[in-house]
């Protein structure tokens, strides 16, 4: 948002989103889609599987860490590309 006023902050734009407006719109759309997708999962629950602590510590960061960091970055970037194609939205 401040890259126009302080050009040095442009280096923080690691995702290279089109504009601040499209970045906010893309994040809001992504969050709305994820909430709708996760509600059925939350209502269904997760099956309990007994496992050792070391097995869980190997699996959980991989599943939740990678999915929790990479999926939003990729999803928001894809939505930003779509939003930037439509004239007049952002």
N, C-alpha and C. Protein backbone atom coordinates (compact mmCIF):
# COMPACT_ATOMS: atom_id res chain seq x y z
N UNK A 1 0.80 -1.19 0.00
CA UNK A 1 0.00 0.00 0.00
C UNK A 1 0.85 1.26 0.00
N UNK A 2 1.98 1.20 0.67
CA UNK A 2 2.80 2.39 0.81
C UNK A 2 3.91 2.46 -0.23
N UNK A 3 3.93 1.54 -1.20
CA UNK A 3 5.01 1.52 -2.19
C UNK A 3 5.03 2.79 -3.02
N UNK A 4 3.88 3.41 -3.23
CA UNK A 4 3.85 4.65 -3.98
C UNK A 4 4.51 5.80 -3.22
N UNK A 5 4.30 5.82 -1.93
CA UNK A 5 4.86 6.89 -1.10
C UNK A 5 6.32 6.62 -0.74
N UNK A 6 6.63 5.36 -0.49
CA UNK A 6 7.99 4.97 -0.11
C UNK A 6 8.44 3.88 -1.09
N UNK A 7 9.13 4.22 -2.17
CA UNK A 7 9.49 3.23 -3.19
C UNK A 7 10.34 2.08 -2.68
N UNK A 8 11.06 2.26 -1.60
CA UNK A 8 11.89 1.18 -1.07
C UNK A 8 11.04 0.02 -0.57
N UNK A 9 9.78 0.28 -0.24
CA UNK A 9 8.90 -0.79 0.25
C UNK A 9 8.45 -1.72 -0.87
N UNK A 10 8.71 -1.38 -2.12
CA UNK A 10 8.31 -2.24 -3.23
C UNK A 10 9.00 -3.60 -3.18
N UNK A 11 10.13 -3.69 -2.52
CA UNK A 11 10.83 -4.97 -2.40
C UNK A 11 10.06 -5.95 -1.51
N UNK A 12 9.12 -5.46 -0.72
CA UNK A 12 8.30 -6.34 0.12
C UNK A 12 7.16 -7.00 -0.66
N UNK A 13 6.92 -6.55 -1.87
CA UNK A 13 5.85 -7.12 -2.70
C UNK A 13 6.35 -8.41 -3.34
N UNK A 14 6.52 -9.45 -2.53
CA UNK A 14 7.11 -10.71 -3.01
C UNK A 14 6.18 -11.46 -3.95
N UNK A 15 4.88 -11.27 -3.84
CA UNK A 15 3.94 -11.98 -4.71
C UNK A 15 3.68 -11.23 -6.00
N UNK A 16 4.15 -10.00 -6.11
CA UNK A 16 3.97 -9.17 -7.30
C UNK A 16 2.50 -9.10 -7.72
N UNK A 17 1.65 -8.74 -6.77
CA UNK A 17 0.23 -8.58 -7.06
C UNK A 17 0.02 -7.30 -7.85
N UNK A 18 -1.09 -7.24 -8.58
CA UNK A 18 -1.33 -6.14 -9.52
C UNK A 18 -1.39 -4.78 -8.85
N UNK A 19 -2.19 -4.67 -7.80
CA UNK A 19 -2.35 -3.39 -7.12
C UNK A 19 -2.78 -3.67 -5.68
N UNK A 20 -2.70 -2.68 -4.82
CA UNK A 20 -3.17 -2.89 -3.45
C UNK A 20 -4.66 -3.24 -3.40
N UNK A 21 -5.45 -2.63 -4.28
CA UNK A 21 -6.89 -2.92 -4.30
C UNK A 21 -7.15 -4.36 -4.73
N UNK A 22 -6.46 -4.83 -5.75
CA UNK A 22 -6.68 -6.20 -6.19
C UNK A 22 -6.13 -7.20 -5.17
N UNK A 23 -5.08 -6.81 -4.44
CA UNK A 23 -4.54 -7.69 -3.41
C UNK A 23 -5.55 -7.89 -2.29
N UNK A 24 -6.19 -6.81 -1.86
CA UNK A 24 -7.19 -6.91 -0.80
C UNK A 24 -8.40 -7.69 -1.28
N UNK A 25 -8.87 -7.40 -2.49
CA UNK A 25 -10.01 -8.11 -3.05
C UNK A 25 -9.70 -9.59 -3.22
N UNK A 26 -8.52 -9.92 -3.67
CA UNK A 26 -8.13 -11.32 -3.85
C UNK A 26 -8.08 -12.06 -2.51
N UNK A 27 -7.56 -11.40 -1.48
CA UNK A 27 -7.49 -12.03 -0.16
C UNK A 27 -8.88 -12.26 0.42
N UNK A 28 -9.79 -11.29 0.22
CA UNK A 28 -11.15 -11.45 0.72
C UNK A 28 -11.86 -12.58 -0.02
N UNK A 29 -11.71 -12.64 -1.33
CA UNK A 29 -12.33 -13.72 -2.11
C UNK A 29 -11.76 -15.07 -1.70
N UNK A 30 -10.43 -15.15 -1.53
CA UNK A 30 -9.80 -16.41 -1.13
C UNK A 30 -10.33 -16.86 0.24
N UNK A 31 -10.41 -15.93 1.19
CA UNK A 31 -10.91 -16.29 2.52
C UNK A 31 -12.35 -16.76 2.47
N UNK A 32 -13.17 -16.11 1.65
CA UNK A 32 -14.57 -16.53 1.53
C UNK A 32 -14.66 -17.94 0.95
N UNK A 33 -13.85 -18.24 -0.05
CA UNK A 33 -13.86 -19.58 -0.65
C UNK A 33 -13.36 -20.64 0.32
N UNK A 34 -12.31 -20.32 1.07
CA UNK A 34 -11.74 -21.28 2.02
C UNK A 34 -12.71 -21.56 3.16
N UNK A 35 -13.39 -20.54 3.65
CA UNK A 35 -14.36 -20.75 4.73
C UNK A 35 -15.47 -21.67 4.27
N UNK A 36 -15.98 -21.43 3.07
CA UNK A 36 -17.05 -22.29 2.53
C UNK A 36 -16.54 -23.71 2.34
N UNK A 37 -15.29 -23.88 1.93
CA UNK A 37 -14.73 -25.21 1.72
C UNK A 37 -14.43 -25.93 3.04
N UNK A 38 -14.10 -25.20 4.08
CA UNK A 38 -13.71 -25.84 5.34
C UNK A 38 -14.87 -26.12 6.29
N UNK A 39 -16.02 -25.50 6.08
CA UNK A 39 -17.16 -25.74 6.96
C UNK A 39 -17.58 -27.21 6.95
N UNK A 40 -17.75 -27.84 5.78
CA UNK A 40 -18.11 -29.27 5.81
C UNK A 40 -17.07 -30.14 6.49
N UNK A 41 -15.79 -29.80 6.31
CA UNK A 41 -14.73 -30.56 6.96
C UNK A 41 -14.82 -30.42 8.48
N UNK A 42 -15.09 -29.21 8.95
CA UNK A 42 -15.21 -28.98 10.39
C UNK A 42 -16.42 -29.70 10.96
N UNK A 43 -17.51 -29.73 10.22
CA UNK A 43 -18.71 -30.41 10.72
C UNK A 43 -18.53 -31.92 10.73
N UNK A 44 -17.78 -32.44 9.77
CA UNK A 44 -17.55 -33.89 9.71
C UNK A 44 -16.57 -34.33 10.78
N UNK A 45 -15.60 -33.49 11.05
CA UNK A 45 -14.59 -33.85 12.05
C UNK A 45 -13.44 -34.60 11.43
N UNK A 46 -12.49 -34.94 12.25
CA UNK A 46 -11.30 -35.65 11.81
C UNK A 46 -11.23 -36.96 12.57
N UNK A 47 -10.98 -38.04 11.84
CA UNK A 47 -10.89 -39.35 12.47
C UNK A 47 -9.66 -39.43 13.37
N UNK A 48 -9.85 -39.95 14.55
CA UNK A 48 -8.74 -40.10 15.50
C UNK A 48 -7.95 -41.35 15.14
N UNK A 49 -6.66 -41.19 15.01
CA UNK A 49 -5.77 -42.33 14.76
C UNK A 49 -4.66 -42.29 15.79
N UNK A 50 -4.56 -43.31 16.59
CA UNK A 50 -3.46 -43.32 17.56
C UNK A 50 -2.12 -43.35 16.83
N UNK A 51 -1.23 -42.49 17.25
CA UNK A 51 0.11 -42.42 16.66
C UNK A 51 1.08 -41.92 17.71
N UNK A 52 2.33 -42.21 17.49
CA UNK A 52 3.34 -41.74 18.43
C UNK A 52 3.54 -40.24 18.26
N UNK A 53 4.12 -39.64 19.26
CA UNK A 53 4.36 -38.20 19.22
C UNK A 53 5.31 -37.84 18.08
N UNK A 54 6.32 -38.66 17.87
CA UNK A 54 7.28 -38.36 16.81
C UNK A 54 6.62 -38.47 15.43
N UNK A 55 5.72 -39.41 15.24
CA UNK A 55 5.03 -39.54 13.96
C UNK A 55 4.13 -38.33 13.71
N UNK A 56 3.44 -37.88 14.75
CA UNK A 56 2.59 -36.70 14.60
C UNK A 56 3.42 -35.44 14.34
N UNK A 57 4.57 -35.32 15.01
CA UNK A 57 5.42 -34.15 14.80
C UNK A 57 6.05 -34.14 13.41
N UNK A 58 6.19 -35.30 12.79
CA UNK A 58 6.68 -35.34 11.41
C UNK A 58 5.57 -35.00 10.43
N UNK A 59 4.36 -35.51 10.68
CA UNK A 59 3.25 -35.37 9.74
C UNK A 59 2.57 -34.00 9.83
N UNK A 60 2.25 -33.52 11.01
CA UNK A 60 1.47 -32.30 11.15
C UNK A 60 2.13 -31.06 10.57
N UNK A 61 3.40 -30.79 10.82
CA UNK A 61 3.99 -29.60 10.18
C UNK A 61 4.00 -29.71 8.66
N UNK A 62 4.17 -30.91 8.14
CA UNK A 62 4.18 -31.08 6.70
C UNK A 62 2.81 -30.78 6.12
N UNK A 63 1.77 -31.38 6.69
CA UNK A 63 0.41 -31.20 6.16
C UNK A 63 -0.11 -29.80 6.42
N UNK A 64 -0.07 -29.38 7.66
CA UNK A 64 -0.67 -28.10 8.03
C UNK A 64 0.26 -26.92 7.76
N UNK A 65 1.54 -27.10 7.90
CA UNK A 65 2.48 -26.01 7.65
C UNK A 65 2.58 -25.67 6.18
N UNK A 66 2.84 -26.68 5.36
CA UNK A 66 2.97 -26.44 3.92
C UNK A 66 1.62 -26.02 3.35
N UNK A 67 0.56 -26.71 3.73
CA UNK A 67 -0.76 -26.35 3.24
C UNK A 67 -1.22 -24.99 3.74
N UNK A 68 -0.83 -24.64 4.93
CA UNK A 68 -1.25 -23.37 5.51
C UNK A 68 -0.45 -22.17 5.02
N UNK A 69 0.72 -22.41 4.44
CA UNK A 69 1.54 -21.31 3.94
C UNK A 69 1.47 -21.22 2.42
N UNK A 70 1.65 -22.34 1.75
CA UNK A 70 1.72 -22.32 0.29
C UNK A 70 0.36 -22.16 -0.38
N UNK A 71 -0.65 -22.83 0.14
CA UNK A 71 -1.98 -22.75 -0.49
C UNK A 71 -2.51 -21.32 -0.53
N UNK A 72 -2.45 -20.54 0.55
CA UNK A 72 -2.92 -19.15 0.45
C UNK A 72 -2.11 -18.31 -0.53
N UNK A 73 -0.80 -18.50 -0.57
CA UNK A 73 0.01 -17.72 -1.50
C UNK A 73 -0.38 -18.01 -2.94
N UNK A 74 -0.49 -19.27 -3.28
CA UNK A 74 -0.85 -19.65 -4.64
C UNK A 74 -2.29 -19.24 -4.95
N UNK A 75 -3.19 -19.47 -4.01
CA UNK A 75 -4.60 -19.13 -4.24
C UNK A 75 -4.82 -17.65 -4.43
N UNK A 76 -4.21 -16.83 -3.60
CA UNK A 76 -4.37 -15.38 -3.71
C UNK A 76 -3.74 -14.87 -5.01
N UNK A 77 -2.60 -15.42 -5.40
CA UNK A 77 -1.97 -15.01 -6.65
C UNK A 77 -2.86 -15.36 -7.84
N UNK A 78 -3.44 -16.56 -7.87
CA UNK A 78 -4.32 -16.94 -8.98
C UNK A 78 -5.57 -16.07 -9.04
N UNK A 79 -6.15 -15.79 -7.90
CA UNK A 79 -7.33 -14.92 -7.87
C UNK A 79 -6.95 -13.51 -8.31
N UNK A 80 -5.77 -13.04 -7.91
CA UNK A 80 -5.32 -11.72 -8.33
C UNK A 80 -5.15 -11.66 -9.84
N UNK A 81 -4.63 -12.72 -10.44
CA UNK A 81 -4.51 -12.74 -11.89
C UNK A 81 -5.89 -12.65 -12.55
N UNK A 82 -6.85 -13.38 -12.01
CA UNK A 82 -8.21 -13.32 -12.57
C UNK A 82 -8.84 -11.95 -12.37
N UNK A 83 -8.67 -11.39 -11.18
CA UNK A 83 -9.25 -10.08 -10.88
C UNK A 83 -8.62 -9.00 -11.76
N UNK A 84 -7.33 -9.09 -12.01
CA UNK A 84 -6.67 -8.07 -12.82
C UNK A 84 -7.07 -8.17 -14.29
N UNK A 85 -7.59 -9.30 -14.73
CA UNK A 85 -8.06 -9.44 -16.12
C UNK A 85 -9.39 -8.75 -16.36
N UNK A 86 -10.21 -8.65 -15.32
CA UNK A 86 -11.54 -8.06 -15.45
C UNK A 86 -11.42 -6.54 -15.27
N UNK A 87 -11.76 -5.77 -16.30
CA UNK A 87 -11.61 -4.31 -16.17
C UNK A 87 -12.66 -3.72 -15.23
N UNK A 88 -12.24 -2.75 -14.45
CA UNK A 88 -13.15 -2.02 -13.58
C UNK A 88 -13.38 -2.62 -12.22
N UNK A 89 -12.81 -3.80 -11.94
CA UNK A 89 -13.03 -4.41 -10.61
C UNK A 89 -12.04 -3.82 -9.60
N UNK A 90 -10.78 -3.84 -9.94
CA UNK A 90 -9.80 -3.34 -8.98
C UNK A 90 -8.73 -2.52 -9.67
